[in-house]
PDB file of N, CA and C in Angstrom:
ATOM      1  N   MET A   1      32.937 -53.685  29.857  1.00  0.00           N
ATOM      2  CA  MET A   1      34.309 -53.008  30.057  1.00  0.00           C
ATOM      3  C   MET A   1      35.001 -52.838  28.678  1.00  0.00           C
ATOM      4  N   SER A   2      35.021 -54.097  27.707  1.00  0.00           N
ATOM      5  CA  SER A   2      35.419 -53.962  26.564  1.00  0.00           C
ATOM      6  C   SER A   2      35.268 -52.626  25.547  1.00  0.00           C
ATOM      7  N   GLY A   3      34.098 -52.290  25.672  1.00  0.00           N
ATOM      8  CA  GLY A   3      33.193 -51.148  24.900  1.00  0.00           C
ATOM      9  C   GLY A   3      33.874 -49.871  25.640  1.00  0.00           C
ATOM     10  N   ASP A   4      34.242 -49.667  26.702  1.00  0.00           N
ATOM     11  CA  ASP A   4      34.624 -48.494  27.452  1.00  0.00           C
ATOM     12  C   ASP A   4      36.245 -48.230  26.943  1.00  0.00           C
ATOM     13  N   VAL A   5      36.548 -49.555  26.876  1.00  0.00           N
ATOM     14  CA  VAL A   5      38.337 -49.213  26.055  1.00  0.00           C
ATOM     15  C   VAL A   5      38.343 -48.915  24.993  1.00  0.00           C
ATOM     16  N   THR A   6      37.744 -49.553  23.937  1.00  0.00           N
ATOM     17  CA  THR A   6      37.195 -49.113  22.839  1.00  0.00           C
ATOM     18  C   THR A   6      36.825 -47.517  22.402  1.00  0.00           C
ATOM     19  N   GLU A   7      35.879 -46.989  23.043  1.00  0.00           N
ATOM     20  CA  GLU A   7      35.757 -45.754  23.334  1.00  0.00           C
ATOM     21  C   GLU A   7      36.993 -44.908  23.342  1.00  0.00           C
ATOM     22  N   GLN A   8      37.906 -45.274  24.682  1.00  0.00           N
ATOM     23  CA  GLN A   8      38.604 -44.577  25.113  1.00  0.00           C
ATOM     24  C   GLN A   8      40.050 -44.357  23.574  1.00  0.00           C
ATOM     25  N   VAL A   9      39.834 -45.322  23.152  1.00  0.00           N
ATOM     26  CA  VAL A   9      40.689 -45.354  21.926  1.00  0.00           C
ATOM     27  C   VAL A   9      40.559 -44.781  20.655  1.00  0.00           C
ATOM     28  N   VAL A  10      39.149 -44.840  20.430  1.00  0.00           N
ATOM     29  CA  VAL A  10      38.561 -43.923  19.686  1.00  0.00           C
ATOM     30  C   VAL A  10      38.781 -42.407  19.912  1.00  0.00           C
ATOM     31  N   GLU A  11      38.120 -42.290  21.019  1.00  0.00           N
ATOM     32  CA  GLU A  11      38.826 -40.739  21.222  1.00  0.00           C
ATOM     33  C   GLU A  11      39.902 -39.980  21.287  1.00  0.00           C
ATOM     34  N   ALA A  12      41.004 -40.985  21.865  1.00  0.00           N
ATOM     35  CA  ALA A  12      42.275 -40.699  21.797  1.00  0.00           C
ATOM     36  C   ALA A  12      42.960 -40.768  20.210  1.00  0.00           C
ATOM     37  N   ALA A  13      42.124 -41.553  19.376  1.00  0.00           N
ATOM     38  CA  ALA A  13      42.962 -41.118  18.085  1.00  0.00           C
ATOM     39  C   ALA A  13      42.158 -40.185  17.498  1.00  0.00           C
ATOM     40  N   LYS A  14      40.885 -39.724  17.809  1.00  0.00           N
ATOM     41  CA  LYS A  14      40.377 -38.372  17.339  1.00  0.00           C
ATOM     42  C   LYS A  14      40.934 -37.370  17.567  1.00  0.00           C
ATOM     43  N   ALA A  15      41.623 -37.194  18.681  1.00  0.00           N
ATOM     44  CA  ALA A  15      42.132 -36.195  19.523  1.00  0.00           C
ATOM     45  C   ALA A  15      43.474 -35.860  18.852  1.00  0.00           C
ATOM     46  N   LYS A  16      44.239 -37.173  18.861  1.00  0.00           N
ATOM     47  CA  LYS A  16      45.309 -37.126  18.073  1.00  0.00           C
ATOM     48  C   LYS A  16      45.403 -36.411  16.414  1.00  0.00           C
ATOM     49  N   GLY A  17      44.119 -36.902  15.892  1.00  0.00           N
ATOM     50  CA  GLY A  17      44.152 -36.361  14.410  1.00  0.00           C
ATOM     51  C   GLY A  17      43.806 -34.847  14.533  1.00  0.00           C
ATOM     52  N   ALA A  18      42.963 -34.677  15.728  1.00  0.00           N
ATOM     53  CA  ALA A  18      42.687 -32.939  15.470  1.00  0.00           C
ATOM     54  C   ALA A  18      43.856 -32.604  15.843  1.00  0.00           C
ATOM     55  N   ALA A  19      44.709 -32.789  17.243  1.00  0.00           N
ATOM     56  CA  ALA A  19      45.830 -31.941  17.244  1.00  0.00           C
ATOM     57  C   ALA A  19      46.867 -32.274  15.989  1.00  0.00           C
ATOM     58  N   LYS A  20      46.858 -33.104  14.905  1.00  0.00           N
ATOM     59  CA  LYS A  20      47.732 -32.853  14.073  1.00  0.00           C
ATOM     60  C   LYS A  20      47.058 -31.814  12.832  1.00  0.00           C
ATOM     61  N   SER A  21      45.933 -31.690  12.575  1.00  0.00           N
ATOM     62  CA  SER A  21      45.265 -30.944  11.760  1.00  0.00           C
ATOM     63  C   SER A  21      45.276 -28.993  12.656  1.00  0.00           C
ATOM     64  N   ALA A  22      45.451 -29.305  13.554  1.00  0.00           N
ATOM     65  CA  ALA A  22      45.474 -27.801  14.413  1.00  0.00           C
ATOM     66  C   ALA A  22      47.065 -27.333  14.092  1.00  0.00           C
ATOM     67  N   ASN A  23      48.088 -28.314  14.344  1.00  0.00           N
ATOM     68  CA  ASN A  23      49.583 -28.355  13.779  1.00  0.00           C
ATOM     69  C   ASN A  23      49.796 -28.048  12.429  1.00  0.00           C
ATOM     70  N   LEU A  24      48.760 -28.449  11.529  1.00  0.00           N
ATOM     71  CA  LEU A  24      49.040 -27.734  10.219  1.00  0.00           C
ATOM     72  C   LEU A  24      48.653 -26.544   9.952  1.00  0.00           C
ATOM     73  N   VAL A  25      47.387 -25.963  10.572  1.00  0.00           N
ATOM     74  CA  VAL A  25      47.273 -24.709  10.632  1.00  0.00           C
ATOM     75  C   VAL A  25      48.412 -23.909  11.009  1.00  0.00           C
ATOM     76  N   TYR A  26      48.996 -24.189  12.057  1.00  0.00           N
ATOM     77  CA  TYR A  26      50.124 -23.346  12.460  1.00  0.00           C
ATOM     78  C   TYR A  26      51.007 -23.433  11.797  1.00  0.00           C
ATOM     79  N   ILE A  27      51.711 -24.409  10.620  1.00  0.00           N
ATOM     80  CA  ILE A  27      52.528 -24.487   9.931  1.00  0.00           C
ATOM     81  C   ILE A  27      52.235 -23.643   8.738  1.00  0.00           C
ATOM     82  N   LEU A  28      50.645 -23.631   8.298  1.00  0.00           N
ATOM     83  CA  LEU A  28      50.469 -22.737   7.080  1.00  0.00           C
ATOM     84  C   LEU A  28      50.442 -21.717   7.311  1.00  0.00           C
ATOM     85  N   TYR A  29      50.284 -21.024   8.638  1.00  0.00           N
ATOM     86  CA  TYR A  29      50.286 -19.607   8.969  1.00  0.00           C
ATOM     87  C   TYR A  29      51.873 -19.253   8.789  1.00  0.00           C
ATOM     88  N   LEU A  30      52.567 -20.125   9.563  1.00  0.00           N
ATOM     89  CA  LEU A  30      54.429 -19.686   9.332  1.00  0.00           C
ATOM     90  C   LEU A  30      54.485 -19.651   7.769  1.00  0.00           C
ATOM     91  N   ALA A  31      53.955 -20.745   6.835  1.00  0.00           N
ATOM     92  CA  ALA A  31      54.287 -20.616   5.401  1.00  0.00           C
ATOM     93  C   ALA A  31      53.675 -19.215   4.654  1.00  0.00           C
ATOM     94  N   SER A  32      53.054 -18.811   5.483  1.00  0.00           N
ATOM     95  CA  SER A  32      52.141 -17.750   4.559  1.00  0.00           C
ATOM     96  C   SER A  32      52.988 -16.324   4.739  1.00  0.00           C
ATOM     97  N   ILE A  33      53.958 -16.438   5.664  1.00  0.00           N
ATOM     98  CA  ILE A  33      55.173 -15.602   5.732  1.00  0.00           C
ATOM     99  C   ILE A  33      55.715 -15.302   4.238  1.00  0.00           C
ATOM    100  N   VAL A  34      56.042 -16.475   3.648  1.00  0.00           N
ATOM    101  CA  VAL A  34      56.592 -16.470   2.451  1.00  0.00           C
ATOM    102  C   VAL A  34      55.956 -16.490   1.363  1.00  0.00           C
ATOM    103  N   PHE A  35      54.821 -17.526   1.638  1.00  0.00           N
ATOM    104  CA  PHE A  35      53.404 -18.029   0.348  1.00  0.00           C
ATOM    105  C   PHE A  35      52.583 -17.047   0.093  1.00  0.00           C
ATOM    106  N   GLY A  36      51.963 -16.093   1.426  1.00  0.00           N
ATOM    107  CA  GLY A  36      50.660 -15.339   1.555  1.00  0.00           C
ATOM    108  C   GLY A  36      49.348 -16.326   1.572  1.00  0.00           C
ATOM    109  N   ILE A  37      49.160 -16.966   0.519  1.00  0.00           N
ATOM    110  CA  ILE A  37      47.920 -17.653   0.190  1.00  0.00           C
ATOM    111  C   ILE A  37      47.564 -18.558   1.498  1.00  0.00           C
ATOM    112  N   THR A  38      48.757 -19.260   1.987  1.00  0.00           N
ATOM    113  CA  THR A  38      48.720 -20.662   3.053  1.00  0.00           C
ATOM    114  C   THR A  38      47.754 -19.919   4.040  1.00  0.00           C
ATOM    115  N   GLY A  39      47.894 -18.649   4.596  1.00  0.00           N
ATOM    116  CA  GLY A  39      47.146 -18.337   5.760  1.00  0.00           C
ATOM    117  C   GLY A  39      45.595 -18.652   5.827  1.00  0.00           C
ATOM    118  N   LEU A  40      45.290 -18.380   4.479  1.00  0.00           N
ATOM    119  CA  LEU A  40      43.993 -18.183   4.224  1.00  0.00           C
ATOM    120  C   LEU A  40      43.516 -19.713   3.948  1.00  0.00           C
ATOM    121  N   ILE A  41      44.320 -20.770   3.801  1.00  0.00           N
ATOM    122  CA  ILE A  41      43.886 -22.049   3.741  1.00  0.00           C
ATOM    123  C   ILE A  41      43.833 -22.477   5.066  1.00  0.00           C
ATOM    124  N   GLY A  42      45.015 -21.967   5.647  1.00  0.00           N
ATOM    125  CA  GLY A  42      45.095 -22.437   7.467  1.00  0.00           C
ATOM    126  C   GLY A  42      43.667 -21.961   8.114  1.00  0.00           C
ATOM    127  N   VAL A  43      43.132 -20.531   7.859  1.00  0.00           N
ATOM    128  CA  VAL A  43      41.994 -20.425   8.577  1.00  0.00           C
ATOM    129  C   VAL A  43      40.697 -21.081   8.292  1.00  0.00           C
ATOM    130  N   VAL A  44      40.625 -20.960   7.013  1.00  0.00           N
ATOM    131  CA  VAL A  44      39.679 -22.033   6.186  1.00  0.00           C
ATOM    132  C   VAL A  44      39.676 -23.369   7.254  1.00  0.00           C
ATOM    133  N   MET A  45      40.736 -24.146   7.096  1.00  0.00           N
ATOM    134  CA  MET A  45      40.848 -25.516   8.017  1.00  0.00           C
ATOM    135  C   MET A  45      40.485 -25.333   9.259  1.00  0.00           C
ATOM    136  N   ALA A  46      40.631 -23.942   9.945  1.00  0.00           N
ATOM    137  CA  ALA A  46      40.381 -23.923  11.235  1.00  0.00           C
ATOM    138  C   ALA A  46      38.977 -23.967  11.647  1.00  0.00           C
ATOM    139  N   TYR A  47      38.184 -23.197  10.861  1.00  0.00           N
ATOM    140  CA  TYR A  47      36.653 -23.103  10.592  1.00  0.00           C
ATOM    141  C   TYR A  47      36.050 -24.183  10.652  1.00  0.00           C
ATOM    142  N   ILE A  48      36.538 -25.238   9.379  1.00  0.00           N
ATOM    143  CA  ILE A  48      35.982 -26.498   9.471  1.00  0.00           C
ATOM    144  C   ILE A  48      36.132 -27.228  10.300  1.00  0.00           C
ATOM    145  N   ASN A  49      37.360 -27.454  11.045  1.00  0.00           N
ATOM    146  CA  ASN A  49      37.643 -28.530  11.953  1.00  0.00           C
ATOM    147  C   ASN A  49      37.380 -28.496  13.284  1.00  0.00           C
ATOM    148  N   ARG A  50      37.058 -27.051  13.718  1.00  0.00           N
ATOM    149  CA  ARG A  50      36.822 -26.696  15.337  1.00  0.00           C
ATOM    150  C   ARG A  50      35.400 -27.160  15.540  1.00  0.00           C
ATOM    151  N   GLY A  51      34.535 -27.631  15.071  1.00  0.00           N
ATOM    152  CA  GLY A  51      33.466 -28.098  15.790  1.00  0.00           C
ATOM    153  C   GLY A  51      33.748 -29.441  16.107  1.00  0.00           C
ATOM    154  N   ASP A  52      34.217 -30.348  15.294  1.00  0.00           N
ATOM    155  CA  ASP A  52      34.453 -31.756  15.527  1.00  0.00           C
ATOM    156  C   ASP A  52      35.800 -31.914  16.601  1.00  0.00           C
ATOM    157  N   ALA A  53      36.341 -31.072  16.977  1.00  0.00           N
ATOM    158  CA  ALA A  53      37.592 -31.250  17.699  1.00  0.00           C
ATOM    159  C   ALA A  53      37.221 -31.400  19.146  1.00  0.00           C
ATOM    160  N   PRO A  54      38.282 -32.109  20.003  1.00  0.00           N
ATOM    161  CA  PRO A  54      38.078 -32.118  21.576  1.00  0.00           C
ATOM    162  C   PRO A  54      38.151 -30.665  22.051  1.00  0.00           C
ATOM    163  N   ALA A  55      37.429 -30.439  23.412  1.00  0.00           N
ATOM    164  CA  ALA A  55      37.609 -29.026  23.675  1.00  0.00           C
ATOM    165  C   ALA A  55      38.918 -28.601  23.683  1.00  0.00           C
ATOM    166  N   TRP A  56      40.230 -29.095  24.183  1.00  0.00           N
ATOM    167  CA  TRP A  56      41.410 -28.781  24.333  1.00  0.00           C
ATOM    168  C   TRP A  56      41.844 -28.315  22.877  1.00  0.00           C
ATOM    169  N   VAL A  57      41.216 -28.962  21.812  1.00  0.00           N
ATOM    170  CA  VAL A  57      42.199 -28.603  20.350  1.00  0.00           C
ATOM    171  C   VAL A  57      40.950 -27.259  20.023  1.00  0.00           C
ATOM    172  N   GLN A  58      39.793 -27.358  20.108  1.00  0.00           N
ATOM    173  CA  GLN A  58      39.307 -26.264  20.009  1.00  0.00           C
ATOM    174  C   GLN A  58      39.687 -24.753  20.120  1.00  0.00           C
ATOM    175  N   THR A  59      40.417 -24.924  21.641  1.00  0.00           N
ATOM    176  CA  THR A  59      41.169 -23.727  22.214  1.00  0.00           C
ATOM    177  C   THR A  59      42.190 -23.136  20.931  1.00  0.00           C
ATOM    178  N   HIS A  60      42.826 -24.113  20.541  1.00  0.00           N
ATOM    179  CA  HIS A  60      43.834 -23.705  19.487  1.00  0.00           C
ATOM    180  C   HIS A  60      43.045 -23.072  18.059  1.00  0.00           C
ATOM    181  N   TYR A  61      42.251 -23.622  17.810  1.00  0.00           N
ATOM    182  CA  TYR A  61      41.385 -23.159  16.643  1.00  0.00           C
ATOM    183  C   TYR A  61      40.902 -21.872  16.827  1.00  0.00           C
ATOM    184  N   GLN A  62      40.413 -21.693  17.926  1.00  0.00           N
ATOM    185  CA  GLN A  62      40.156 -20.258  18.433  1.00  0.00           C
ATOM    186  C   GLN A  62      41.237 -19.195  18.261  1.00  0.00           C
ATOM    187  N   PHE A  63      42.212 -19.912  18.870  1.00  0.00           N
ATOM    188  CA  PHE A  63      43.544 -18.916  18.979  1.00  0.00           C
ATOM    189  C   PHE A  63      43.812 -18.595  17.206  1.00  0.00           C
ATOM    190  N   GLN A  64      43.693 -19.525  16.474  1.00  0.00           N
ATOM    191  CA  GLN A  64      43.992 -19.749  15.415  1.00  0.00           C
ATOM    192  C   GLN A  64      43.269 -18.636  14.248  1.00  0.00           C
ATOM    193  N   ILE A  65      42.042 -18.657  14.757  1.00  0.00           N
ATOM    194  CA  ILE A  65      41.011 -17.780  13.811  1.00  0.00           C
ATOM    195  C   ILE A  65      41.160 -16.612  14.280  1.00  0.00           C
ATOM    196  N   ARG A  66      41.381 -16.317  15.547  1.00  0.00           N
ATOM    197  CA  ARG A  66      41.742 -14.790  15.957  1.00  0.00           C
ATOM    198  C   ARG A  66      42.771 -14.424  15.426  1.00  0.00           C
ATOM    199  N   THR A  67      43.797 -15.472  15.762  1.00  0.00           N
ATOM    200  CA  THR A  67      45.309 -14.637  14.804  1.00  0.00           C
ATOM    201  C   THR A  67      44.787 -14.197  13.383  1.00  0.00           C
ATOM    202  N   PHE A  68      44.196 -14.855  12.892  1.00  0.00           N
ATOM    203  CA  PHE A  68      44.127 -14.501  11.165  1.00  0.00           C
ATOM    204  C   PHE A  68      43.447 -13.243  11.655  1.00  0.00           C
ATOM    205  N   TRP A  69      42.590 -13.254  11.871  1.00  0.00           N
ATOM    206  CA  TRP A  69      41.534 -11.465  11.686  1.00  0.00           C
ATOM    207  C   TRP A  69      42.258 -10.380  12.654  1.00  0.00           C
ATOM    208  N   ILE A  70      42.859 -10.962  13.309  1.00  0.00           N
ATOM    209  CA  ILE A  70      43.641  -9.602  14.280  1.00  0.00           C
ATOM    210  C   ILE A  70      44.616  -9.101  13.252  1.00  0.00           C
ATOM    211  N   GLY A  71      45.396 -10.664  12.545  1.00  0.00           N
ATOM    212  CA  GLY A  71      46.321  -9.987  11.586  1.00  0.00           C
ATOM    213  C   GLY A  71      45.826  -9.400  10.481  1.00  0.00           C
ATOM    214  N   ILE A  72      44.947  -9.460   9.893  1.00  0.00           N
ATOM    215  CA  ILE A  72      44.326  -8.817   8.867  1.00  0.00           C
ATOM    216  C   ILE A  72      44.000  -7.529   9.183  1.00  0.00           C
ATOM    217  N   LEU A  73      43.564  -7.351  10.455  1.00  0.00           N
ATOM    218  CA  LEU A  73      43.391  -5.741  11.069  1.00  0.00           C
ATOM    219  C   LEU A  73      44.878  -5.108  10.903  1.00  0.00           C
ATOM    220  N   ILE A  74      45.711  -5.639  11.536  1.00  0.00           N
ATOM    221  CA  ILE A  74      47.092  -5.176  11.695  1.00  0.00           C
ATOM    222  C   ILE A  74      47.838  -4.722  10.698  1.00  0.00           C
ATOM    223  N   SER A  75      47.648  -5.665   9.319  1.00  0.00           N
ATOM    224  CA  SER A  75      48.292  -5.251   8.095  1.00  0.00           C
ATOM    225  C   SER A  75      47.293  -4.471   7.385  1.00  0.00           C
ATOM    226  N   VAL A  76      46.043  -4.215   7.468  1.00  0.00           N
ATOM    227  CA  VAL A  76      45.630  -3.012   6.777  1.00  0.00           C
ATOM    228  C   VAL A  76      45.963  -1.590   7.512  1.00  0.00           C
ATOM    229  N   ILE A  77      46.182  -1.807   8.964  1.00  0.00           N
ATOM    230  CA  ILE A  77      46.737  -0.460   9.346  1.00  0.00           C
ATOM    231  C   ILE A  77      48.075  -0.337   8.937  1.00  0.00           C
ATOM    232  N   GLY A  78      48.763  -1.230   8.905  1.00  0.00           N
ATOM    233  CA  GLY A  78      50.278  -1.073   8.610  1.00  0.00           C
ATOM    234  C   GLY A  78      50.317  -0.493   7.137  1.00  0.00           C
ATOM    235  N   MET A  79      49.449  -0.937   6.332  1.00  0.00           N
ATOM    236  CA  MET A  79      49.440  -0.782   4.999  1.00  0.00           C
ATOM    237  C   MET A  79      49.073   0.914   4.479  1.00  0.00           C
ATOM    238  N   LEU A  80      47.821   0.983   5.577  1.00  0.00           N
ATOM    239  CA  LEU A  80      47.149   2.408   5.565  1.00  0.00           C
ATOM    240  C   LEU A  80      48.178   3.475   6.003  1.00  0.00           C
ATOM    241  N   THR A  81      49.007   3.398   6.627  1.00  0.00           N
ATOM    242  CA  THR A  81      49.859   4.186   7.383  1.00  0.00           C
ATOM    243  C   THR A  81      51.599   3.933   6.756  1.00  0.00           C
ATOM    244  N   ILE A  82      51.676   3.169   5.862  1.00  0.00           N
ATOM    245  CA  ILE A  82      53.006   3.234   5.230  1.00  0.00           C
ATOM    246  C   ILE A  82      53.498   4.668   4.643  1.00  0.00           C
ATOM    247  N   ALA A  83      52.515   5.428   4.148  1.00  0.00           N
ATOM    248  CA  ALA A  83      53.140   6.507   3.721  1.00  0.00           C
ATOM    249  C   ALA A  83      53.490   7.654   4.742  1.00  0.00           C
ATOM    250  N   PHE A  84      53.131   7.203   5.936  1.00  0.00           N
ATOM    251  CA  PHE A  84      53.450   8.309   7.003  1.00  0.00           C
ATOM    252  C   PHE A  84      54.977   7.782   7.598  1.00  0.00           C
ATOM    253  N   PHE A  85      55.525   6.672   6.981  1.00  0.00           N
ATOM    254  CA  PHE A  85      56.730   6.131   7.829  1.00  0.00           C
ATOM    255  C   PHE A  85      56.495   5.369   9.118  1.00  0.00           C
ATOM    256  N   ILE A  86      55.355   5.161   9.640  1.00  0.00           N
ATOM    257  CA  ILE A  86      54.937   4.295  10.819  1.00  0.00           C
ATOM    258  C   ILE A  86      54.451   2.778  10.441  1.00  0.00           C
ATOM    259  N   GLY A  87      54.116   2.993   9.082  1.00  0.00           N
ATOM    260  CA  GLY A  87      53.502   1.392   8.806  1.00  0.00           C
ATOM    261  C   GLY A  87      54.496   0.671   8.807  1.00  0.00           C
ATOM    262  N   GLY A  88      55.524   0.885   8.221  1.00  0.00           N
ATOM    263  CA  GLY A  88      56.570   0.031   8.188  1.00  0.00           C
ATOM    264  C   GLY A  88      56.632  -0.864   9.427  1.00  0.00           C
ATOM    265  N   LEU A  89      56.977   0.071  10.793  1.00  0.00           N
ATOM    266  CA  LEU A  89      57.095  -0.489  12.104  1.00  0.00           C
ATOM    267  C   LEU A  89      56.140  -1.347  12.335  1.00  0.00           C
ATOM    268  N   ILE A  90      54.788  -0.612  12.392  1.00  0.00           N
ATOM    269  CA  ILE A  90      53.752  -1.473  12.201  1.00  0.00           C
ATOM    270  C   ILE A  90      53.725  -2.865  11.757  1.00  0.00           C
ATOM    271  N   LEU A  91      54.262  -2.915  10.329  1.00  0.00           N
ATOM    272  CA  LEU A  91      54.160  -4.282   9.734  1.00  0.00           C
ATOM    273  C   LEU A  91      55.349  -5.497  10.277  1.00  0.00           C
ATOM    274  N   LEU A  92      56.440  -4.669  10.789  1.00  0.00           N
ATOM    275  CA  LEU A  92      57.527  -5.310  11.344  1.00  0.00           C
ATOM    276  C   LEU A  92      57.087  -5.753  12.724  1.00  0.00           C
ATOM    277  N   GLY A  93      56.337  -5.053  13.515  1.00  0.00           N
ATOM    278  CA  GLY A  93      55.490  -5.847  14.712  1.00  0.00           C
ATOM    279  C   GLY A  93      54.789  -6.439  14.256  1.00  0.00           C
ATOM    280  N   PHE A  94      54.262  -6.458  13.175  1.00  0.00           N
ATOM    281  CA  PHE A  94      53.005  -7.416  13.263  1.00  0.00           C
ATOM    282  C   PHE A  94      53.716  -8.902  12.710  1.00  0.00           C
ATOM    283  N   LEU A  95      54.863  -9.014  11.775  1.00  0.00           N
ATOM    284  CA  LEU A  95      55.594 -10.177  11.456  1.00  0.00           C
ATOM    285  C   LEU A  95      55.872 -10.924  13.080  1.00  0.00           C
ATOM    286  N   ILE A  96      56.595 -10.068  13.803  1.00  0.00           N
ATOM    287  CA  ILE A  96      56.825 -10.522  15.143  1.00  0.00           C
ATOM    288  C   ILE A  96      55.978 -11.276  15.985  1.00  0.00           C
ATOM    289  N   TRP A  97      54.873 -10.728  16.078  1.00  0.00           N
ATOM    290  CA  TRP A  97      53.886 -10.887  16.861  1.00  0.00           C
ATOM    291  C   TRP A  97      53.016 -12.178  16.066  1.00  0.00           C
ATOM    292  N   TYR A  98      52.964 -12.193  14.977  1.00  0.00           N
ATOM    293  CA  TYR A  98      52.745 -13.385  13.996  1.00  0.00           C
ATOM    294  C   TYR A  98      53.303 -14.761  14.194  1.00  0.00           C
ATOM    295  N   ILE A  99      54.776 -14.547  13.965  1.00  0.00           N
ATOM    296  CA  ILE A  99      55.549 -15.688  14.252  1.00  0.00           C
ATOM    297  C   ILE A  99      55.470 -16.097  15.682  1.00  0.00           C
ATOM    298  N   VAL A 100      55.454 -15.456  16.824  1.00  0.00           N
ATOM    299  CA  VAL A 100      55.828 -15.716  18.126  1.00  0.00           C
ATOM    300  C   VAL A 100      54.115 -16.317  18.507  1.00  0.00           C
ATOM    301  N   ARG A 101      53.318 -15.723  18.018  1.00  0.00           N
ATOM    302  CA  ARG A 101      51.665 -16.264  18.356  1.00  0.00           C
ATOM    303  C   ARG A 101      51.955 -17.444  17.785  1.00  0.00           C
ATOM    304  N   SER A 102      52.447 -17.876  16.121  1.00  0.00           N
ATOM    305  CA  SER A 102      52.457 -19.459  15.915  1.00  0.00           C
ATOM    306  C   SER A 102      53.071 -20.479  16.446  1.00  0.00           C
ATOM    307  N   VAL A 103      54.239 -19.847  16.808  1.00  0.00           N
ATOM    308  CA  VAL A 103      55.343 -20.664  17.794  1.00  0.00           C
ATOM    309  C   VAL A 103      54.862 -20.778  19.032  1.00  0.00           C
ATOM    310  N   LYS A 104      54.281 -20.054  19.578  1.00  0.00           N
ATOM    311  CA  LYS A 104      53.719 -20.629  21.043  1.00  0.00           C
ATOM    312  C   LYS A 104      52.466 -21.494  20.989  1.00  0.00           C
ATOM    313  N   GLY A 105      51.646 -21.352  20.307  1.00  0.00           N
ATOM    314  CA  GLY A 105      50.503 -22.174  19.724  1.00  0.00           C
ATOM    315  C   GLY A 105      51.215 -23.684  19.804  1.00  0.00           C
ATOM    316  N   MET A 106      51.979 -23.692  18.597  1.00  0.00           N
ATOM    317  CA  MET A 106      52.757 -24.922  18.225  1.00  0.00           C
ATOM    318  C   MET A 106      53.379 -25.591  19.858  1.00  0.00           C
ATOM    319  N   LYS A 107      53.809 -24.571  20.712  1.00  0.00           N
ATOM    320  CA  LYS A 107      54.226 -25.628  21.639  1.00  0.00           C
ATOM    321  C   LYS A 107      53.336 -25.912  22.624  1.00  0.00           C
ATOM    322  N   TYR A 108      52.455 -24.949  22.889  1.00  0.00           N
ATOM    323  CA  TYR A 108      50.901 -25.856  23.631  1.00  0.00           C
ATOM    324  C   TYR A 108      50.459 -27.283  23.166  1.00  0.00           C
ATOM    325  N   LEU A 109      50.314 -27.060  21.638  1.00  0.00           N
ATOM    326  CA  LEU A 109      49.801 -27.971  21.021  1.00  0.00           C
ATOM    327  C   LEU A 109      50.601 -29.283  21.201  1.00  0.00           C
ATOM    328  N   SER A 110      51.898 -29.169  21.141  1.00  0.00           N
ATOM    329  CA  SER A 110      52.848 -30.131  21.317  1.00  0.00           C
ATOM    330  C   SER A 110      52.741 -31.001  22.397  1.00  0.00           C
ATOM    331  N   GLN A 111      52.569 -30.270  23.612  1.00  0.00           N
ATOM    332  CA  GLN A 111      52.574 -30.663  25.012  1.00  0.00           C
ATOM    333  C   GLN A 111      51.008 -31.185  25.228  1.00  0.00           C
ATOM    334  N   ASN A 112      50.072 -31.224  24.271  1.00  0.00           N
ATOM    335  CA  ASN A 112      48.940 -31.723  24.364  1.00  0.00           C
ATOM    336  C   ASN A 112      47.945 -30.942  25.689  1.00  0.00           C
ATOM    337  N   GLN A 113      48.349 -29.473  25.290  1.00  0.00           N
ATOM    338  CA  GLN A 113      47.735 -28.706  26.200  1.00  0.00           C
ATOM    339  C   GLN A 113      46.624 -27.889  25.745  1.00  0.00           C
ATOM    340  N   PRO A 114      45.684 -27.199  26.170  1.00  0.00           N
ATOM    341  CA  PRO A 114      44.879 -26.344  25.566  1.00  0.00           C
ATOM    342  C   PRO A 114      45.587 -25.025  25.516  1.00  0.00           C
ATOM    343  N   HIS A 115      45.207 -24.284  24.586  1.00  0.00           N
ATOM    344  CA  HIS A 115      45.610 -22.662  24.616  1.00  0.00           C
ATOM    345  C   HIS A 115      45.546 -21.879  25.855  1.00  0.00           C
ATOM    346  N   PRO A 116      46.322 -21.536  26.731  1.00  0.00           N
ATOM    347  CA  PRO A 116      45.934 -21.331  27.816  1.00  0.00           C
ATOM    348  C   PRO A 116      44.753 -19.632  27.915  1.00  0.00           C
ATOM    349  N   ASN A 117      44.757 -18.800  26.866  1.00  0.00           N
ATOM    350  CA  ASN A 117      44.261 -17.690  26.899  1.00  0.00           C
ATOM    351  C   ASN A 117      43.746 -17.430  25.304  1.00  0.00           C
ATOM    352  N   PRO A 118      42.964 -18.451  24.239  1.00  0.00           N
ATOM    353  CA  PRO A 118      42.932 -18.118  23.246  1.00  0.00           C
ATOM    354  C   PRO A 118      42.166 -16.888  22.846  1.00  0.00           C
ATOM    355  N   THR A 119      41.694 -16.305  23.409  1.00  0.00           N
ATOM    356  CA  THR A 119      41.136 -14.768  23.222  1.00  0.00           C
ATOM    357  C   THR A 119      42.052 -13.573  23.392  1.00  0.00           C
ATOM    358  N   THR A 120      43.272 -14.116  23.596  1.00  0.00           N
ATOM    359  CA  THR A 120      44.083 -12.619  23.838  1.00  0.00           C
ATOM    360  C   THR A 120      44.463 -11.973  22.879  1.00  0.00           C
ATOM    361  N   TRP A 121      44.989 -11.001  22.847  1.00  0.00           N
ATOM    362  CA  TRP A 121      45.498 -10.071  21.301  1.00  0.00           C
ATOM    363  C   TRP A 121      46.971 -10.204  21.238  1.00  0.00           C
ATOM    364  N   MET A 122      47.417 -10.694  22.307  1.00  0.00           N
ATOM    365  CA  MET A 122      48.745 -11.180  22.746  1.00  0.00           C
ATOM    366  C   MET A 122      49.393 -12.259  22.359  1.00  0.00           C
ATOM    367  N   TRP A 123      50.236 -12.765  23.082  1.00  0.00           N
ATOM    368  CA  TRP A 123      50.500 -14.276  22.719  1.00  0.00           C
ATOM    369  C   TRP A 123      50.467 -15.063  23.997  1.00  0.00           C
TER     370      TRP A 123
END
């Protein structure tokens, strides 16, 4: 019986550590709005940590990885269309989308909940 309790404590500690790492990725994503490179650091962390995380935290890592790659796609489209005056609107929409995705992910994570739809293109 003591072994079961010890196992539960260890698993709870691992889950808490994984959740903190996932939260750091969200923070790095938000910081990338100002500093740029932190988004790349965040996606690398998500790739590295997702395999060892509990299933509910893995949903956040999947969501974060998709956020990065979808964000790259939208940014490239925005940059390519900037000369046609629609690019600025695309980039503004991307910025709002990026912030909302990061904040909503942090909200679910702070409530110790898996992301309800980690494969969505929206939020």
